[in-house]
Amino acid sequence: MQAMATQQSLMHSTFSVKRTYPSSPARVFAAFANPETKRRWFVEGEGWEIDEFSMDFRVGGRE
């Protein structure tokens, strides 16, 4: 008996998240670019223990 090969397909997709802030684009951009501000928005929370937070706000950077 020969084993039949199975063929699987893979589809990559994208998605977008749209948010509206009651502030100027410059203020929102500055908040995302500032590590302390972004940490307060996205990382800190009551009762949360944070081991590490770092970000590189450059094209191709990481968080």
PDB file of N, CA and C in Angstrom:
ATOM      1  N   MET A   1       0.836  -1.189   0.000  1.00  0.00           N
ATOM      2  CA  MET A   1       0.000   0.000   0.000  1.00  0.00           C
ATOM      3  C   MET A   1       0.872   1.240   0.000  1.00  0.00           C
ATOM      4  N   GLN A   2       0.443   2.202  -0.739  1.00  0.00           N
ATOM      5  CA  GLN A   2       1.148   3.468  -0.754  1.00  0.00           C
ATOM      6  C   GLN A   2       0.400   4.479   0.100  1.00  0.00           C
ATOM      7  N   ALA A   3       1.172   5.260   0.838  1.00  0.00           N
ATOM      8  CA  ALA A   3       0.558   6.320   1.633  1.00  0.00           C
ATOM      9  C   ALA A   3       0.171   7.467   0.717  1.00  0.00           C
ATOM     10  N   MET A   4      -1.004   7.989   0.899  1.00  0.00           N
ATOM     11  CA  MET A   4      -1.446   9.120   0.088  1.00  0.00           C
ATOM     12  C   MET A   4      -0.946  10.422   0.721  1.00  0.00           C
ATOM     13  N   ALA A   5      -0.384  11.254  -0.095  1.00  0.00           N
ATOM     14  CA  ALA A   5       0.080  12.556   0.389  1.00  0.00           C
ATOM     15  C   ALA A   5      -1.119  13.487   0.497  1.00  0.00           C
ATOM     16  N   THR A   6      -1.169  14.210   1.598  1.00  0.00           N
ATOM     17  CA  THR A   6      -2.235  15.196   1.745  1.00  0.00           C
ATOM     18  C   THR A   6      -1.657  16.577   1.481  1.00  0.00           C
ATOM     19  N   GLN A   7      -2.429  17.367   0.835  1.00  0.00           N
ATOM     20  CA  GLN A   7      -1.980  18.709   0.506  1.00  0.00           C
ATOM     21  C   GLN A   7      -2.792  19.692   1.341  1.00  0.00           C
ATOM     22  N   GLN A   8      -2.085  20.571   2.025  1.00  0.00           N
ATOM     23  CA  GLN A   8      -2.747  21.583   2.831  1.00  0.00           C
ATOM     24  C   GLN A   8      -2.474  22.943   2.222  1.00  0.00           C
ATOM     25  N   SER A   9      -3.450  23.790   2.303  1.00  0.00           N
ATOM     26  CA  SER A   9      -3.241  25.146   1.801  1.00  0.00           C
ATOM     27  C   SER A   9      -3.152  26.099   2.984  1.00  0.00           C
ATOM     28  N   LEU A  10      -2.478  27.196   2.757  1.00  0.00           N
ATOM     29  CA  LEU A  10      -2.282  28.191   3.796  1.00  0.00           C
ATOM     30  C   LEU A  10      -2.616  29.549   3.216  1.00  0.00           C
ATOM     31  N   MET A  11      -3.429  30.301   3.920  1.00  0.00           N
ATOM     32  CA  MET A  11      -3.804  31.621   3.448  1.00  0.00           C
ATOM     33  C   MET A  11      -3.405  32.645   4.502  1.00  0.00           C
ATOM     34  N   HIS A  12      -2.624  33.635   4.101  1.00  0.00           N
ATOM     35  CA  HIS A  12      -2.249  34.709   5.006  1.00  0.00           C
ATOM     36  C   HIS A  12      -3.210  35.872   4.781  1.00  0.00           C
ATOM     37  N   SER A  13      -3.616  36.475   5.863  1.00  0.00           N
ATOM     38  CA  SER A  13      -4.532  37.604   5.768  1.00  0.00           C
ATOM     39  C   SER A  13      -4.041  38.736   6.647  1.00  0.00           C
ATOM     40  N   THR A  14      -4.656  39.852   6.522  1.00  0.00           N
ATOM     41  CA  THR A  14      -4.340  40.997   7.368  1.00  0.00           C
ATOM     42  C   THR A  14      -5.627  41.517   7.988  1.00  0.00           C
ATOM     43  N   PHE A  15      -5.457  42.321   9.010  1.00  0.00           N
ATOM     44  CA  PHE A  15      -6.606  42.985   9.599  1.00  0.00           C
ATOM     45  C   PHE A  15      -6.164  44.367  10.063  1.00  0.00           C
ATOM     46  N   SER A  16      -7.111  45.224  10.260  1.00  0.00           N
ATOM     47  CA  SER A  16      -6.831  46.590  10.698  1.00  0.00           C
ATOM     48  C   SER A  16      -7.622  46.883  11.957  1.00  0.00           C
ATOM     49  N   VAL A  17      -7.041  47.673  12.813  1.00  0.00           N
ATOM     50  CA  VAL A  17      -7.726  48.163  14.006  1.00  0.00           C
ATOM     51  C   VAL A  17      -7.784  49.673  13.865  1.00  0.00           C
ATOM     52  N   LYS A  18      -8.961  50.214  13.915  1.00  0.00           N
ATOM     53  CA  LYS A  18      -9.124  51.655  13.769  1.00  0.00           C
ATOM     54  C   LYS A  18      -9.639  52.212  15.091  1.00  0.00           C
ATOM     55  N   ARG A  19      -8.952  53.211  15.585  1.00  0.00           N
ATOM     56  CA  ARG A  19      -9.359  53.851  16.828  1.00  0.00           C
ATOM     57  C   ARG A  19      -9.431  55.357  16.619  1.00  0.00           C
ATOM     58  N   THR A  20     -10.322  55.973  17.325  1.00  0.00           N
ATOM     59  CA  THR A  20     -10.448  57.421  17.287  1.00  0.00           C
ATOM     60  C   THR A  20     -10.187  57.944  18.692  1.00  0.00           C
ATOM     61  N   TYR A  21      -9.259  58.857  18.811  1.00  0.00           N
ATOM     62  CA  TYR A  21      -8.918  59.446  20.105  1.00  0.00           C
ATOM     63  C   TYR A  21      -9.350  60.910  20.128  1.00  0.00           C
ATOM     64  N   PRO A  22      -9.843  61.388  21.257  1.00  0.00           N
ATOM     65  CA  PRO A  22     -10.266  62.784  21.347  1.00  0.00           C
ATOM     66  C   PRO A  22      -9.075  63.720  21.569  1.00  0.00           C
ATOM     67  N   SER A  23      -8.026  63.531  20.813  1.00  0.00           N
ATOM     68  CA  SER A  23      -6.809  64.334  20.912  1.00  0.00           C
ATOM     69  C   SER A  23      -6.248  64.537  19.512  1.00  0.00           C
ATOM     70  N   SER A  24      -5.316  65.461  19.418  1.00  0.00           N
ATOM     71  CA  SER A  24      -4.700  65.720  18.119  1.00  0.00           C
ATOM     72  C   SER A  24      -3.825  64.540  17.705  1.00  0.00           C
ATOM     73  N   PRO A  25      -3.643  64.331  16.397  1.00  0.00           N
ATOM     74  CA  PRO A  25      -2.751  63.258  15.951  1.00  0.00           C
ATOM     75  C   PRO A  25      -1.341  63.388  16.533  1.00  0.00           C
ATOM     76  N   ALA A  26      -0.842  64.596  16.670  1.00  0.00           N
ATOM     77  CA  ALA A  26       0.501  64.791  17.221  1.00  0.00           C
ATOM     78  C   ALA A  26       0.580  64.309  18.670  1.00  0.00           C
ATOM     79  N   ARG A  27      -0.460  64.562  19.438  1.00  0.00           N
ATOM     80  CA  ARG A  27      -0.454  64.123  20.848  1.00  0.00           C
ATOM     81  C   ARG A  27      -0.547  62.601  20.953  1.00  0.00           C
ATOM     82  N   VAL A  28      -1.368  61.996  20.123  1.00  0.00           N
ATOM     83  CA  VAL A  28      -1.492  60.526  20.126  1.00  0.00           C
ATOM     84  C   VAL A  28      -0.175  59.886  19.688  1.00  0.00           C
ATOM     85  N   PHE A  29       0.442  60.417  18.624  1.00  0.00           N
ATOM     86  CA  PHE A  29       1.721  59.894  18.150  1.00  0.00           C
ATOM     87  C   PHE A  29       2.771  59.999  19.256  1.00  0.00           C
ATOM     88  N   ALA A  30       2.821  61.141  19.935  1.00  0.00           N
ATOM     89  CA  ALA A  30       3.789  61.332  21.021  1.00  0.00           C
ATOM     90  C   ALA A  30       3.561  60.320  22.143  1.00  0.00           C
ATOM     91  N   ALA A  31       2.298  60.027  22.440  1.00  0.00           N
ATOM     92  CA  ALA A  31       1.996  59.055  23.494  1.00  0.00           C
ATOM     93  C   ALA A  31       2.455  57.652  23.103  1.00  0.00           C
ATOM     94  N   PHE A  32       2.275  57.280  21.844  1.00  0.00           N
ATOM     95  CA  PHE A  32       2.747  55.968  21.393  1.00  0.00           C
ATOM     96  C   PHE A  32       4.269  55.918  21.338  1.00  0.00           C
ATOM     97  N   ALA A  33       4.915  57.029  21.060  1.00  0.00           N
ATOM     98  CA  ALA A  33       6.374  57.069  20.919  1.00  0.00           C
ATOM     99  C   ALA A  33       7.097  57.124  22.252  1.00  0.00           C
ATOM    100  N   ASN A  34       6.420  57.572  23.310  1.00  0.00           N
ATOM    101  CA  ASN A  34       7.053  57.729  24.614  1.00  0.00           C
ATOM    102  C   ASN A  34       6.914  56.430  25.414  1.00  0.00           C
ATOM    103  N   PRO A  35       8.024  55.780  25.773  1.00  0.00           N
ATOM    104  CA  PRO A  35       7.943  54.488  26.470  1.00  0.00           C
ATOM    105  C   PRO A  35       7.180  54.540  27.792  1.00  0.00           C
ATOM    106  N   GLU A  36       7.344  55.608  28.566  1.00  0.00           N
ATOM    107  CA  GLU A  36       6.654  55.688  29.860  1.00  0.00           C
ATOM    108  C   GLU A  36       5.141  55.808  29.677  1.00  0.00           C
ATOM    109  N   THR A  37       4.731  56.623  28.718  1.00  0.00           N
ATOM    110  CA  THR A  37       3.301  56.796  28.470  1.00  0.00           C
ATOM    111  C   THR A  37       2.689  55.522  27.913  1.00  0.00           C
ATOM    112  N   LYS A  38       3.354  54.916  26.962  1.00  0.00           N
ATOM    113  CA  LYS A  38       2.816  53.691  26.366  1.00  0.00           C
ATOM    114  C   LYS A  38       2.743  52.575  27.402  1.00  0.00           C
ATOM    115  N   ARG A  39       3.712  52.504  28.264  1.00  0.00           N
ATOM    116  CA  ARG A  39       3.681  51.490  29.330  1.00  0.00           C
ATOM    117  C   ARG A  39       2.443  51.682  30.203  1.00  0.00           C
ATOM    118  N   ARG A  40       2.136  52.933  30.560  1.00  0.00           N
ATOM    119  CA  ARG A  40       0.948  53.192  31.384  1.00  0.00           C
ATOM    120  C   ARG A  40      -0.324  52.786  30.653  1.00  0.00           C
ATOM    121  N   TRP A  41      -0.401  53.044  29.336  1.00  0.00           N
ATOM    122  CA  TRP A  41      -1.595  52.727  28.560  1.00  0.00           C
ATOM    123  C   TRP A  41      -1.783  51.230  28.350  1.00  0.00           C
ATOM    124  N   PHE A  42      -0.713  50.528  28.000  1.00  0.00           N
ATOM    125  CA  PHE A  42      -0.845  49.156  27.510  1.00  0.00           C
ATOM    126  C   PHE A  42      -0.341  48.064  28.439  1.00  0.00           C
ATOM    127  N   VAL A  43       0.459  48.401  29.425  1.00  0.00           N
ATOM    128  CA  VAL A  43       1.103  47.359  30.217  1.00  0.00           C
ATOM    129  C   VAL A  43       0.639  47.360  31.667  1.00  0.00           C
ATOM    130  N   GLU A  44       0.571  48.531  32.263  1.00  0.00           N
ATOM    131  CA  GLU A  44       0.270  48.601  33.689  1.00  0.00           C
ATOM    132  C   GLU A  44      -1.215  48.434  33.963  1.00  0.00           C
ATOM    133  N   GLY A  45      -1.506  47.865  35.106  1.00  0.00           N
ATOM    134  CA  GLY A  45      -2.886  47.706  35.542  1.00  0.00           C
ATOM    135  C   GLY A  45      -2.899  47.335  37.009  1.00  0.00           C
ATOM    136  N   GLU A  46      -3.986  47.626  37.652  1.00  0.00           N
ATOM    137  CA  GLU A  46      -4.099  47.344  39.071  1.00  0.00           C
ATOM    138  C   GLU A  46      -3.932  45.853  39.336  1.00  0.00           C
ATOM    139  N   GLY A  47      -2.990  45.519  40.192  1.00  0.00           N
ATOM    140  CA  GLY A  47      -2.728  44.137  40.545  1.00  0.00           C
ATOM    141  C   GLY A  47      -1.847  43.387  39.561  1.00  0.00           C
ATOM    142  N   TRP A  48      -1.355  44.048  38.534  1.00  0.00           N
ATOM    143  CA  TRP A  48      -0.504  43.386  37.544  1.00  0.00           C
ATOM    144  C   TRP A  48       0.942  43.446  37.992  1.00  0.00           C
ATOM    145  N   GLU A  49       1.664  42.382  37.746  1.00  0.00           N
ATOM    146  CA  GLU A  49       3.099  42.346  38.013  1.00  0.00           C
ATOM    147  C   GLU A  49       3.815  42.345  36.664  1.00  0.00           C
ATOM    148  N   ILE A  50       4.648  43.340  36.449  1.00  0.00           N
ATOM    149  CA  ILE A  50       5.331  43.495  35.161  1.00  0.00           C
ATOM    150  C   ILE A  50       6.780  43.075  35.322  1.00  0.00           C
ATOM    151  N   ASP A  51       7.172  42.036  34.602  1.00  0.00           N
ATOM    152  CA  ASP A  51       8.551  41.560  34.662  1.00  0.00           C
ATOM    153  C   ASP A  51       9.466  42.423  33.799  1.00  0.00           C
ATOM    154  N   GLU A  52       8.959  42.838  32.631  1.00  0.00           N
ATOM    155  CA  GLU A  52       9.804  43.593  31.711  1.00  0.00           C
ATOM    156  C   GLU A  52       8.935  44.318  30.699  1.00  0.00           C
ATOM    157  N   PHE A  53       9.351  45.501  30.312  1.00  0.00           N
ATOM    158  CA  PHE A  53       8.721  46.222  29.202  1.00  0.00           C
ATOM    159  C   PHE A  53       9.804  46.972  28.468  1.00  0.00           C
ATOM    160  N   SER A  54       9.875  46.777  27.175  1.00  0.00           N
ATOM    161  CA  SER A  54      10.818  47.532  26.347  1.00  0.00           C
ATOM    162  C   SER A  54      10.164  47.770  25.002  1.00  0.00           C
ATOM    163  N   MET A  55      10.578  48.837  24.358  1.00  0.00           N
ATOM    164  CA  MET A  55      10.058  49.124  23.030  1.00  0.00           C
ATOM    165  C   MET A  55      11.098  49.866  22.224  1.00  0.00           C
ATOM    166  N   ASP A  56      11.039  49.664  20.925  1.00  0.00           N
ATOM    167  CA  ASP A  56      11.925  50.322  19.973  1.00  0.00           C
ATOM    168  C   ASP A  56      11.019  50.961  18.938  1.00  0.00           C
ATOM    169  N   PHE A  57      10.756  52.254  19.102  1.00  0.00           N
ATOM    170  CA  PHE A  57       9.783  52.948  18.263  1.00  0.00           C
ATOM    171  C   PHE A  57      10.436  53.470  16.983  1.00  0.00           C
ATOM    172  N   ARG A  58      10.942  52.525  16.225  1.00  0.00           N
ATOM    173  CA  ARG A  58      11.512  52.839  14.909  1.00  0.00           C
ATOM    174  C   ARG A  58      10.876  51.895  13.903  1.00  0.00           C
ATOM    175  N   VAL A  59      10.991  52.230  12.632  1.00  0.00           N
ATOM    176  CA  VAL A  59      10.497  51.323  11.595  1.00  0.00           C
ATOM    177  C   VAL A  59      11.203  49.988  11.779  1.00  0.00           C
ATOM    178  N   GLY A  60      10.424  48.919  11.900  1.00  0.00           N
ATOM    179  CA  GLY A  60      10.979  47.603  12.119  1.00  0.00           C
ATOM    180  C   GLY A  60      11.292  47.305  13.575  1.00  0.00           C
ATOM    181  N   GLY A  61      11.014  48.270  14.467  1.00  0.00           N
ATOM    182  CA  GLY A  61      11.293  48.085  15.898  1.00  0.00           C
ATOM    183  C   GLY A  61      10.356  47.072  16.527  1.00  0.00           C
ATOM    184  N   ARG A  62      10.607  46.774  17.791  1.00  0.00           N
ATOM    185  CA  ARG A  62       9.834  45.749  18.499  1.00  0.00           C
ATOM    186  C   ARG A  62       9.386  46.252  19.859  1.00  0.00           C
ATOM    187  N   GLU A  63       8.431  45.534  20.411  1.00  0.00           N
ATOM    188  CA  GLU A  63       8.010  45.764  21.786  1.00  0.00           C
ATOM    189  C   GLU A  63       8.151  44.477  22.538  1.00  0.00           C
TER     190      GLU A  63
END
